[in-house]
Structures are given as C-alpha cells and as structure tokens.
Amino acid sequence: MSWVVGLVWGIALLVAVIVLGICAFELRWKAKRLSKDLDGMQALRDELVSLQGRLAAAQLRLSRRLSE
C-alpha cells in the first residue's frame, strides 16, 4: 500500500516540474519580447524628440518671418 502513496507523490512531483518548466519558458519568452518592444519604443521616442525639436525650430522661423 505504501507504493501507491509513493507513486502518487511521484506523479505530483512530475506534474509540478512540468508546470514550473512551462512557467519558466513563458517568463523567459515574454521577457525577451518585452525587451524587444522596449527597444522599439525607445527608438520611436528618439524620433519623436527629434521631430519635436524640428517643429519648434520651424515654429520659431515662422514667427520671425511673420513679424518682419
């Protein structure tokens, strides 16, 4: 009868290892994807900052031209 208890604990341990393995895989995959998304968003932010500077310069030139 004790072998049944051992078998049940073995199966429970196997299921736990499988679930933890799947969780680790998911976390690693999502972290890699989020890192890639972060790089894209930082590149977009840099482009937007550059555009903001160009728009400010254009607005300044336009206001100077209108005041002449």
C-alpha atoms as a PDB file:
ATOM      1  CA  MET A   1       0.000   0.000   0.000  1.00  0.00           C
ATOM      2  CA  SER A   2       2.905   2.390   0.617  1.00  0.00           C
ATOM      3  CA  TRP A   3       3.938   2.055  -3.012  1.00  0.00           C
ATOM      4  CA  VAL A   4       0.648   3.741  -4.014  1.00  0.00           C
ATOM      5  CA  VAL A   5       1.491   6.742  -1.847  1.00  0.00           C
ATOM      6  CA  GLY A   6       4.968   6.867  -3.371  1.00  0.00           C
ATOM      7  CA  LEU A   7       3.510   6.631  -6.881  1.00  0.00           C
ATOM      8  CA  VAL A   8       1.046   9.452  -6.201  1.00  0.00           C
ATOM      9  CA  TRP A   9       3.815  11.667  -4.775  1.00  0.00           C
ATOM     10  CA  GLY A  10       5.994  10.851  -7.792  1.00  0.00           C
ATOM     11  CA  ILE A  11       3.237  11.817 -10.209  1.00  0.00           C
ATOM     12  CA  ALA A  12       2.554  15.013  -8.258  1.00  0.00           C
ATOM     13  CA  LEU A  13       6.261  15.881  -8.373  1.00  0.00           C
ATOM     14  CA  LEU A  14       6.394  15.209 -12.114  1.00  0.00           C
ATOM     15  CA  VAL A  15       3.365  17.437 -12.747  1.00  0.00           C
ATOM     16  CA  ALA A  16       4.894  20.192 -10.594  1.00  0.00           C
ATOM     17  CA  VAL A  17       8.178  20.038 -12.519  1.00  0.00           C
ATOM     18  CA  ILE A  18       6.341  20.208 -15.839  1.00  0.00           C
ATOM     19  CA  VAL A  19       4.214  23.181 -14.725  1.00  0.00           C
ATOM     20  CA  LEU A  20       7.248  25.046 -13.369  1.00  0.00           C
ATOM     21  CA  GLY A  21       9.141  24.351 -16.598  1.00  0.00           C
ATOM     22  CA  ILE A  22       6.309  25.763 -18.683  1.00  0.00           C
ATOM     23  CA  CYS A  23       6.100  28.827 -16.424  1.00  0.00           C
ATOM     24  CA  ALA A  24       9.854  29.424 -16.731  1.00  0.00           C
ATOM     25  CA  PHE A  25       9.649  29.128 -20.529  1.00  0.00           C
ATOM     26  CA  GLU A  26       6.740  31.594 -20.682  1.00  0.00           C
ATOM     27  CA  LEU A  27       8.502  34.113 -18.433  1.00  0.00           C
ATOM     28  CA  ARG A  28      11.706  33.927 -20.469  1.00  0.00           C
ATOM     29  CA  TRP A  29       9.806  34.288 -23.751  1.00  0.00           C
ATOM     30  CA  LYS A  30       7.748  37.239 -22.510  1.00  0.00           C
ATOM     31  CA  ALA A  31      10.799  38.985 -21.050  1.00  0.00           C
ATOM     32  CA  LYS A  32      12.577  38.679 -24.400  1.00  0.00           C
ATOM     33  CA  ARG A  33       9.519  40.014 -26.248  1.00  0.00           C
ATOM     34  CA  LEU A  34       9.101  42.932 -23.836  1.00  0.00           C
ATOM     35  CA  SER A  35      12.786  43.800 -24.173  1.00  0.00           C
ATOM     36  CA  LYS A  36      12.388  43.901 -27.956  1.00  0.00           C
ATOM     37  CA  ASP A  37       9.267  46.072 -27.615  1.00  0.00           C
ATOM     38  CA  LEU A  38      11.136  48.412 -25.263  1.00  0.00           C
ATOM     39  CA  ASP A  39      13.913  48.870 -27.816  1.00  0.00           C
ATOM     40  CA  GLY A  40      11.331  49.764 -30.468  1.00  0.00           C
ATOM     41  CA  MET A  41       9.581  52.219 -28.180  1.00  0.00           C
ATOM     42  CA  GLN A  42      12.849  53.908 -27.243  1.00  0.00           C
ATOM     43  CA  ALA A  43      13.706  54.312 -30.934  1.00  0.00           C
ATOM     44  CA  LEU A  44      10.255  55.802 -31.525  1.00  0.00           C
ATOM     45  CA  ARG A  45      10.736  58.153 -28.562  1.00  0.00           C
ATOM     46  CA  ASP A  46      14.040  59.344 -30.021  1.00  0.00           C
ATOM     47  CA  GLU A  47      12.364  60.028 -33.366  1.00  0.00           C
ATOM     48  CA  LEU A  48       9.559  61.939 -31.662  1.00  0.00           C
ATOM     49  CA  VAL A  49      12.005  64.056 -29.659  1.00  0.00           C
ATOM     50  CA  SER A  50      13.814  64.880 -32.905  1.00  0.00           C
ATOM     51  CA  LEU A  51      10.526  65.779 -34.564  1.00  0.00           C
ATOM     52  CA  GLN A  52       9.571  67.955 -31.604  1.00  0.00           C
ATOM     53  CA  GLY A  53      12.830  69.872 -31.975  1.00  0.00           C
ATOM     54  CA  ARG A  54      12.315  70.345 -35.696  1.00  0.00           C
ATOM     55  CA  LEU A  55       8.754  71.549 -35.153  1.00  0.00           C
ATOM     56  CA  ALA A  56       9.906  74.048 -32.530  1.00  0.00           C
ATOM     57  CA  ALA A  57      12.569  75.348 -34.922  1.00  0.00           C
ATOM     58  CA  ALA A  58      10.012  75.635 -37.734  1.00  0.00           C
ATOM     59  CA  GLN A  59       7.587  77.476 -35.450  1.00  0.00           C
ATOM     60  CA  LEU A  60      10.337  79.910 -34.453  1.00  0.00           C
ATOM     61  CA  ARG A  61      11.262  80.567 -38.098  1.00  0.00           C
ATOM     62  CA  LEU A  62       7.608  81.095 -38.980  1.00  0.00           C
ATOM     63  CA  SER A  63       7.022  83.540 -36.132  1.00  0.00           C
ATOM     64  CA  ARG A  64      10.165  85.502 -37.141  1.00  0.00           C
ATOM     65  CA  ARG A  65       9.033  85.606 -40.745  1.00  0.00           C
ATOM     66  CA  LEU A  66       5.544  86.812 -39.799  1.00  0.00           C
ATOM     67  CA  SER A  67       6.934  89.550 -37.559  1.00  0.00           C
ATOM     68  CA  GLU A  68       9.111  91.002 -40.356  1.00  0.00           C
END
